[in-house]
């Protein structure tokens, strides 16, 4: 504000005639004038409230700017002035706002965007030109490109080895590695790709997918022991393990309580051929090495449409005579004849049984 202690005074006044060779005059308005009062660096301004019509804007602090509040008001010094227009620099790209580590602004607040570089983007909050990048300083003092956009329009995140970390304090993140090239979580088994409601469309892998602890080291899908491949049932009420290997190296289809093809010693396996209806088959991989069912795990019925071909022998066990079959059918069985001898019998739909052969 204007100071009342500063005033403009006439240096000299005389009743004699004006002289041009010395600083004297007969008229006070022709005299030289000086400013009195105030501090060095003060600013003289027009102030109609003062006796002589002038005042002094005094007591300026380091770093302050003189700010006008408009016509008819006195200017003031301010350490945080408000601009009512653009802040422009000329020539272009020559001057700085602050200096690194010396005279830096504290905080910048922007309402729309920050634009950097030549030919930057026209939209967005941070607008960069092509091939511009955001860099970071490592703990060792090395600059790395954390994110940049290539001339081929690829968005690249990370430099050689960069960690992508959640903002939550103490939360683990993801690593992008260059040796080997990989993307992996900072903590084991605590991150997911996608969610049940936010899924990836497709996954493409060149070599394999490994699941579980100590999975197989070969193959396209590599599972650990005693893991299963499961599907959801049609009613969406339960999961069905369609393929599993147990702790004894038994391979099961439809879970251990369902259909099982188990081979603990891996000496032989079973093949299912379904290339076409005429040639569909279910057969062991090695000849005469595998059994179909067992003495304690028997199949209930076997249905054959044409024939059962056997190049060996048929073996049966004595049993109580079965019930009569339906019409046009017969049932073969072995029984004791009541005297300790085994005989081969057939029973027809009428209930009549006929002996075919008896133990000598």
Protein backbone atom coordinates (compact mmCIF):
# COMPACT_ATOMS: atom_id res chain seq x y z
CA UNK A 1 0.00 0.00 0.00
CA UNK A 2 1.11 3.66 -0.43
CA UNK A 3 3.23 5.13 2.33
CA UNK A 4 2.26 8.46 3.96
CA UNK A 5 5.89 9.11 4.95
CA UNK A 6 7.05 9.47 1.38
CA UNK A 7 6.43 12.75 -0.43
CA UNK A 8 7.77 14.68 -3.40
CA UNK A 9 9.52 17.94 -2.43
CA UNK A 10 10.95 20.81 -4.41
CA UNK A 11 14.74 20.99 -4.29
CA UNK A 12 15.01 24.84 -4.46
CA UNK A 13 12.82 27.87 -4.92
CA UNK A 14 13.86 31.57 -5.32
CA UNK A 15 12.16 34.89 -5.89
CA UNK A 16 14.66 35.77 -8.56
CA UNK A 17 14.12 35.18 -12.24
CA UNK A 18 14.51 31.80 -13.75
CA UNK A 19 18.03 30.80 -14.71
CA UNK A 20 18.83 28.11 -17.17
CA UNK A 21 22.46 27.54 -16.14
CA UNK A 22 21.71 26.58 -12.58
CA UNK A 23 18.94 24.58 -10.90
CA UNK A 24 16.89 27.51 -9.59
CA UNK A 25 13.60 28.97 -10.60
CA UNK A 26 11.18 31.64 -9.65
CA UNK A 27 8.21 29.28 -10.17
CA UNK A 28 7.98 26.21 -7.92
CA UNK A 29 6.66 24.00 -10.70
CA UNK A 30 9.86 24.54 -12.67
CA UNK A 31 12.05 23.35 -9.83
CA UNK A 32 13.67 19.92 -9.69
CA UNK A 33 11.91 17.54 -7.27
CA UNK A 34 13.14 14.82 -4.93
CA UNK A 35 11.42 11.97 -3.02
CA UNK A 36 11.77 11.81 0.71
CA UNK A 37 10.94 8.95 3.09
CA UNK A 38 10.51 5.22 2.53
CA UNK A 39 13.16 2.54 1.92
CA UNK A 40 15.59 1.95 -0.88
CA UNK A 41 13.79 0.14 -3.66
CA UNK A 42 10.39 1.64 -2.90
CA UNK A 43 8.11 2.50 -5.78
CA UNK A 44 6.47 5.91 -6.27
CA UNK A 45 2.85 5.69 -7.38
CA UNK A 46 -0.03 8.12 -7.96
CA UNK A 47 -2.07 8.38 -4.76
CA UNK A 48 -4.85 10.98 -4.69
CA UNK A 49 -5.27 10.48 -0.96
CA UNK A 50 -1.85 12.03 -0.28
CA UNK A 51 -1.31 15.80 0.11
CA UNK A 52 1.05 16.09 -2.80
CA UNK A 53 -0.81 13.42 -4.83
CA UNK A 54 1.96 10.79 -4.62
CA UNK A 55 2.72 7.83 -2.40
CA UNK A 56 5.30 5.07 -2.00
CA UNK A 57 4.77 1.33 -2.26
CA UNK A 58 7.38 0.30 0.28
CA UNK A 59 8.62 -2.63 2.40
CA UNK A 60 9.00 -5.12 -0.43
CA UNK A 61 10.21 -8.63 0.50
CA UNK A 62 12.55 -10.83 -1.55
CA UNK A 63 10.78 -12.65 -4.37
CA UNK A 64 7.60 -10.55 -4.33
CA UNK A 65 5.87 -9.19 -7.40
CA UNK A 66 3.94 -5.94 -7.81
CA UNK A 67 0.31 -6.81 -8.47
CA UNK A 68 -2.38 -4.45 -9.74
CA UNK A 69 -5.96 -4.88 -8.58
CA UNK A 70 -7.26 -2.77 -11.46
CA UNK A 71 -7.76 0.86 -12.48
CA UNK A 72 -8.30 3.25 -9.55
CA UNK A 73 -6.64 0.98 -6.97
CA UNK A 74 -3.15 0.99 -5.53
CA UNK A 75 -0.82 -1.91 -6.49
CA UNK A 76 0.58 -4.19 -3.81
CA UNK A 77 3.55 -6.50 -3.37
CA UNK A 78 2.62 -10.22 -3.30
CA UNK A 79 4.58 -13.44 -2.83
CA UNK A 80 1.74 -15.47 -4.44
CA UNK A 81 0.18 -13.29 -7.12
CA UNK A 82 -2.81 -14.39 -9.20
CA UNK A 83 -2.60 -13.95 -12.95
CA UNK A 84 -5.63 -13.01 -15.00
CA UNK A 85 -4.04 -13.92 -18.32
CA UNK A 86 -1.59 -16.31 -19.97
CA UNK A 87 2.02 -16.68 -18.85
CA UNK A 88 3.99 -16.80 -22.08
CA UNK A 89 7.68 -17.08 -22.87
CA UNK A 90 9.64 -15.81 -25.85
CA UNK A 91 11.60 -17.12 -27.63
CA UNK A 92 10.10 -20.63 -27.59
CA UNK A 93 11.67 -23.46 -25.56
CA UNK A 94 14.38 -21.24 -24.03
CA UNK A 95 13.52 -20.47 -20.40
CA UNK A 96 12.73 -22.67 -17.38
CA UNK A 97 10.33 -22.57 -14.46
CA UNK A 98 12.64 -23.15 -11.52
CA UNK A 99 15.91 -25.07 -11.57
CA UNK A 100 16.68 -28.67 -10.66
CA UNK A 101 17.51 -28.98 -6.97
CA UNK A 102 17.95 -25.22 -6.50
CA UNK A 103 14.93 -23.01 -7.14
CA UNK A 104 12.10 -25.43 -7.73
CA UNK A 105 8.37 -24.70 -7.55
CA UNK A 106 6.79 -26.77 -4.83
CA UNK A 107 3.54 -28.02 -6.39
CA UNK A 108 1.80 -27.50 -9.72
CA UNK A 109 -1.97 -27.57 -10.09
CA UNK A 110 -3.44 -27.87 -13.58
CA UNK A 111 -7.08 -27.92 -14.54
CA UNK A 112 -6.91 -29.57 -17.96
CA UNK A 113 -3.62 -30.99 -19.19
CA UNK A 114 0.16 -30.94 -19.33
CA UNK A 115 1.60 -30.88 -22.84
CA UNK A 116 5.25 -31.80 -23.49
CA UNK A 117 7.26 -31.97 -26.69
CA UNK A 118 6.73 -31.22 -30.36
CA UNK A 119 3.52 -32.45 -32.02
CA UNK A 120 2.04 -33.87 -28.82
CA UNK A 121 -1.31 -35.62 -28.43
CA UNK A 122 -4.38 -33.39 -28.61
CA UNK A 123 -6.36 -35.14 -25.87
CA UNK A 124 -5.64 -36.59 -22.45
CA UNK A 125 -4.34 -35.14 -19.22
CA UNK A 126 -0.65 -35.77 -19.95
CA UNK A 127 0.00 -35.18 -23.66
CA UNK A 128 3.29 -36.41 -25.11
CA UNK A 129 4.71 -36.58 -28.59
CA UNK A 130 5.58 -39.81 -30.39
CA UNK A 131 8.61 -41.66 -28.97
CA UNK A 132 8.44 -39.58 -25.78
CA UNK A 133 8.87 -41.52 -22.52
CA UNK A 134 8.48 -41.32 -18.77
CA UNK A 135 11.79 -42.01 -17.02
CA UNK A 136 12.68 -43.00 -13.46
CA UNK A 137 15.86 -42.96 -11.41
CA UNK A 138 16.97 -46.30 -9.93
CA UNK A 139 18.35 -46.67 -6.42
CA UNK A 140 21.80 -46.82 -8.00
CA UNK A 141 21.32 -43.52 -9.80
CA UNK A 142 20.65 -44.88 -13.31
CA UNK A 143 17.94 -43.42 -15.51
CA UNK A 144 15.52 -45.98 -17.01
CA UNK A 145 12.54 -45.58 -19.32
CA UNK A 146 9.54 -46.70 -17.29
CA UNK A 147 6.97 -46.23 -20.07
CA UNK A 148 7.30 -45.07 -23.65
CA UNK A 149 5.54 -45.13 -27.02
CA UNK A 150 7.56 -46.30 -29.99
CA UNK A 151 7.57 -44.99 -33.55
CA UNK A 152 5.78 -48.22 -34.52
CA UNK A 153 2.90 -47.30 -32.19
CA UNK A 154 3.79 -49.85 -29.50
CA UNK A 155 3.26 -48.95 -25.85
CA UNK A 156 6.22 -50.38 -23.92
CA UNK A 157 6.19 -50.64 -20.13
CA UNK A 158 9.52 -51.08 -18.41
CA UNK A 159 13.15 -51.02 -19.39
CA UNK A 160 15.36 -54.07 -18.72
CA UNK A 161 14.16 -55.17 -15.28
CA UNK A 162 11.26 -53.16 -13.93
CA UNK A 163 8.80 -53.94 -11.15
CA UNK A 164 5.13 -53.08 -11.65
CA UNK A 165 3.82 -52.67 -8.12
CA UNK A 166 0.37 -52.03 -6.68
CA UNK A 167 -0.14 -48.70 -4.94
CA UNK A 168 -1.30 -50.43 -1.76
CA UNK A 169 1.39 -50.28 0.91
CA UNK A 170 3.27 -53.56 1.29
CA UNK A 171 1.48 -55.27 -1.61
CA UNK A 172 3.53 -57.36 -4.00
CA UNK A 173 3.60 -56.54 -7.71
CA UNK A 174 4.72 -57.91 -11.04
CA UNK A 175 8.21 -58.02 -12.57
CA UNK A 176 9.13 -57.60 -16.20
CA UNK A 177 12.44 -59.34 -16.75
CA UNK A 178 14.82 -59.33 -19.67
CA UNK A 179 17.04 -62.24 -18.64
CA UNK A 180 15.08 -64.39 -19.05
CA UNK A 181 12.33 -62.44 -20.73
CA UNK A 182 9.36 -62.95 -18.47
CA UNK A 183 6.52 -61.41 -16.49
CA UNK A 184 6.22 -62.84 -12.98
CA UNK A 185 4.73 -61.86 -9.58
CA UNK A 186 6.92 -60.54 -6.79
CA UNK A 187 5.34 -63.06 -4.38
CA UNK A 188 4.71 -66.74 -5.16
CA UNK A 189 1.13 -67.89 -5.78
CA UNK A 190 -0.55 -64.62 -4.64
CA UNK A 191 -1.59 -62.93 -7.92
CA UNK A 192 -4.08 -63.77 -10.67
CA UNK A 193 -4.48 -62.92 -14.34
CA UNK A 194 -8.07 -61.73 -14.61
CA UNK A 195 -11.01 -62.52 -12.33
CA UNK A 196 -14.11 -64.74 -12.65
CA UNK A 197 -16.01 -61.75 -14.06
CA UNK A 198 -13.13 -60.00 -15.89
CA UNK A 199 -11.61 -62.72 -18.07
CA UNK A 200 -9.03 -62.69 -20.83
CA UNK A 201 -10.43 -63.72 -24.21
CA UNK A 202 -7.70 -66.17 -25.29
CA UNK A 203 -4.27 -67.34 -24.19
CA UNK A 204 -1.55 -68.30 -26.64
CA UNK A 205 1.50 -70.23 -25.41
CA UNK A 206 4.38 -71.52 -27.49
CA UNK A 207 5.66 -74.31 -25.23
CA UNK A 208 3.72 -75.32 -22.13
CA UNK A 209 1.44 -74.47 -19.20
CA UNK A 210 2.67 -75.62 -15.77
CA UNK A 211 0.28 -75.82 -12.79
CA UNK A 212 0.93 -76.68 -9.15
CA UNK A 213 4.00 -77.44 -7.06
CA UNK A 214 6.61 -79.75 -8.62
CA UNK A 215 4.74 -80.16 -11.92
CA UNK A 216 5.89 -82.35 -14.79
CA UNK A 217 8.91 -81.01 -16.66
CA UNK A 218 7.78 -82.11 -20.12
CA UNK A 219 4.59 -81.98 -22.12
CA UNK A 220 2.28 -79.17 -23.18
CA UNK A 221 0.10 -79.22 -20.02
CA UNK A 222 2.24 -80.00 -16.96
CA UNK A 223 0.51 -80.94 -13.70
CA UNK A 224 1.82 -82.00 -10.33
CA UNK A 225 1.03 -85.45 -8.92
CA UNK A 226 -2.48 -86.04 -7.58
CA UNK A 227 -3.95 -83.12 -9.51
CA UNK A 228 -6.91 -83.38 -11.84
CA UNK A 229 -8.51 -81.84 -14.89
CA UNK A 230 -12.10 -81.04 -13.97
CA UNK A 231 -15.24 -79.88 -15.76
CA UNK A 232 -18.52 -78.48 -14.47
CA UNK A 233 -21.56 -80.73 -14.70
CA UNK A 234 -24.54 -79.84 -16.89
CA UNK A 235 -26.65 -78.67 -13.93
CA UNK A 236 -23.84 -76.37 -12.74
CA UNK A 237 -24.02 -77.93 -9.28
CA UNK A 238 -20.76 -79.87 -9.01
CA UNK A 239 -17.31 -80.41 -10.52
CA UNK A 240 -16.31 -83.68 -12.19
CA UNK A 241 -12.65 -84.75 -12.31
CA UNK A 242 -12.39 -86.24 -15.79
CA UNK A 243 -8.66 -87.05 -15.61
CA UNK A 244 -6.46 -87.57 -12.55
CA UNK A 245 -3.28 -89.31 -11.39
CA UNK A 246 -3.17 -90.50 -7.79
CA UNK A 247 -0.23 -90.88 -5.41
CA UNK A 248 0.40 -94.42 -6.68
CA UNK A 249 0.73 -93.21 -10.27
CA UNK A 250 -2.71 -94.55 -11.16
CA UNK A 251 -4.41 -92.69 -14.03
CA UNK A 252 -8.14 -92.24 -13.58
CA UNK A 253 -10.87 -90.97 -15.84
CA UNK A 254 -14.06 -89.62 -14.25
CA UNK A 255 -12.44 -89.62 -10.75
CA UNK A 256 -11.29 -92.68 -8.70
CA UNK A 257 -14.93 -93.56 -7.89
CA UNK A 258 -15.84 -93.67 -11.58
CA UNK A 259 -14.22 -95.14 -14.69
CA UNK A 260 -10.55 -95.87 -13.99
CA UNK A 261 -7.68 -96.86 -16.23
CA UNK A 262 -4.86 -97.41 -13.81
CA UNK A 263 -1.38 -98.67 -14.49
CA UNK A 264 0.99 -98.16 -11.53
CA UNK A 265 4.01 -99.71 -13.27
CA UNK A 266 3.43 -97.99 -16.62
CA UNK A 267 4.07 -101.32 -18.38
CA UNK A 268 1.00 -100.91 -20.57
CA UNK A 269 -1.87 -98.53 -21.13
CA UNK A 270 -5.16 -98.28 -23.01
CA UNK A 271 -6.00 -96.56 -26.26
CA UNK A 272 -9.31 -95.11 -27.37
CA UNK A 273 -9.71 -94.74 -31.13
CA UNK A 274 -12.64 -92.59 -32.28
CA UNK A 275 -11.52 -91.41 -35.74
CA UNK A 276 -14.75 -92.65 -37.29
CA UNK A 277 -17.71 -94.79 -36.27
CA UNK A 278 -16.63 -97.81 -38.34
CA UNK A 279 -13.16 -98.03 -36.80
CA UNK A 280 -13.82 -96.88 -33.22
CA UNK A 281 -12.05 -99.12 -30.73
CA UNK A 282 -10.90 -99.46 -27.16
CA UNK A 283 -7.77 -101.59 -26.81
CA UNK A 284 -4.57 -102.01 -24.74
CA UNK A 285 -1.35 -100.44 -26.03
CA UNK A 286 0.61 -103.73 -25.46
CA UNK A 287 -0.64 -107.14 -26.53
CA UNK A 288 -1.76 -109.57 -23.81
CA UNK A 289 -0.40 -107.35 -21.00
CA UNK A 290 -3.49 -105.71 -19.50
CA UNK A 291 -6.67 -106.95 -17.80
CA UNK A 292 -10.19 -105.62 -18.19
CA UNK A 293 -11.52 -105.47 -14.60
CA UNK A 294 -10.16 -107.75 -11.86
CA UNK A 295 -11.10 -110.44 -9.38
CA UNK A 296 -12.07 -107.84 -6.77
CA UNK A 297 -13.14 -105.13 -9.22
CA UNK A 298 -15.41 -106.94 -11.66
CA UNK A 299 -17.37 -105.53 -14.57
CA UNK A 300 -21.07 -106.25 -14.16
CA UNK A 301 -22.14 -106.91 -17.78
CA UNK A 302 -20.40 -106.98 -21.14
CA UNK A 303 -22.49 -106.29 -24.22
CA UNK A 304 -21.15 -107.28 -27.63
CA UNK A 305 -23.11 -106.64 -30.81
CA UNK A 306 -21.49 -109.28 -33.07
CA UNK A 307 -19.08 -111.62 -31.30
CA UNK A 308 -16.50 -112.13 -28.55
CA UNK A 309 -13.32 -113.53 -30.06
CA UNK A 310 -10.90 -115.31 -27.75
CA UNK A 311 -7.60 -116.87 -28.85
CA UNK A 312 -7.02 -118.30 -25.38
CA UNK A 313 -9.39 -120.04 -22.98
CA UNK A 314 -12.56 -119.21 -21.05
CA UNK A 315 -12.50 -119.67 -17.31
CA UNK A 316 -15.44 -119.67 -14.92
CA UNK A 317 -16.18 -120.30 -11.25
CA UNK A 318 -18.84 -122.56 -9.70
CA UNK A 319 -21.93 -120.64 -8.72
CA UNK A 320 -25.57 -121.15 -7.76
CA UNK A 321 -27.78 -121.68 -10.78
CA UNK A 322 -28.87 -118.27 -12.10
CA UNK A 323 -32.44 -117.27 -12.78
CA UNK A 324 -33.93 -118.10 -16.14
CA UNK A 325 -33.18 -115.55 -18.87
CA UNK A 326 -35.70 -113.80 -21.09
CA UNK A 327 -37.20 -115.49 -24.12
CA UNK A 328 -34.82 -116.66 -26.82
CA UNK A 329 -31.83 -116.57 -24.47
CA UNK A 330 -29.68 -119.00 -22.51
CA UNK A 331 -27.16 -118.68 -19.66
CA UNK A 332 -23.94 -120.71 -19.30
CA UNK A 333 -22.54 -121.36 -15.83
CA UNK A 334 -20.51 -123.78 -13.72
CA UNK A 335 -21.98 -125.53 -10.68
CA UNK A 336 -21.23 -128.41 -8.32
CA UNK A 337 -23.21 -131.54 -9.23
CA UNK A 338 -23.73 -132.36 -5.54
CA UNK A 339 -20.93 -134.93 -5.50
CA UNK A 340 -17.97 -132.57 -5.60
CA UNK A 341 -17.63 -132.52 -9.36
CA UNK A 342 -17.81 -129.32 -11.47
CA UNK A 343 -20.14 -129.36 -14.42
CA UNK A 344 -20.93 -126.88 -17.24
CA UNK A 345 -24.62 -126.06 -17.45
CA UNK A 346 -27.02 -124.01 -19.58
CA UNK A 347 -30.40 -122.70 -18.42
CA UNK A 348 -33.15 -121.55 -20.80
CA UNK A 349 -36.03 -119.12 -20.44
CA UNK A 350 -38.34 -121.94 -19.41
CA UNK A 351 -36.20 -122.55 -16.33
CA UNK A 352 -35.03 -125.93 -17.58
CA UNK A 353 -31.28 -126.56 -17.06
CA UNK A 354 -29.20 -128.88 -19.22
CA UNK A 355 -25.80 -130.35 -18.40
CA UNK A 356 -23.25 -129.79 -21.20
CA UNK A 357 -20.18 -131.39 -19.63
CA UNK A 358 -19.01 -132.72 -16.24
CA UNK A 359 -15.70 -133.12 -14.54
CA UNK A 360 -14.41 -136.74 -15.09
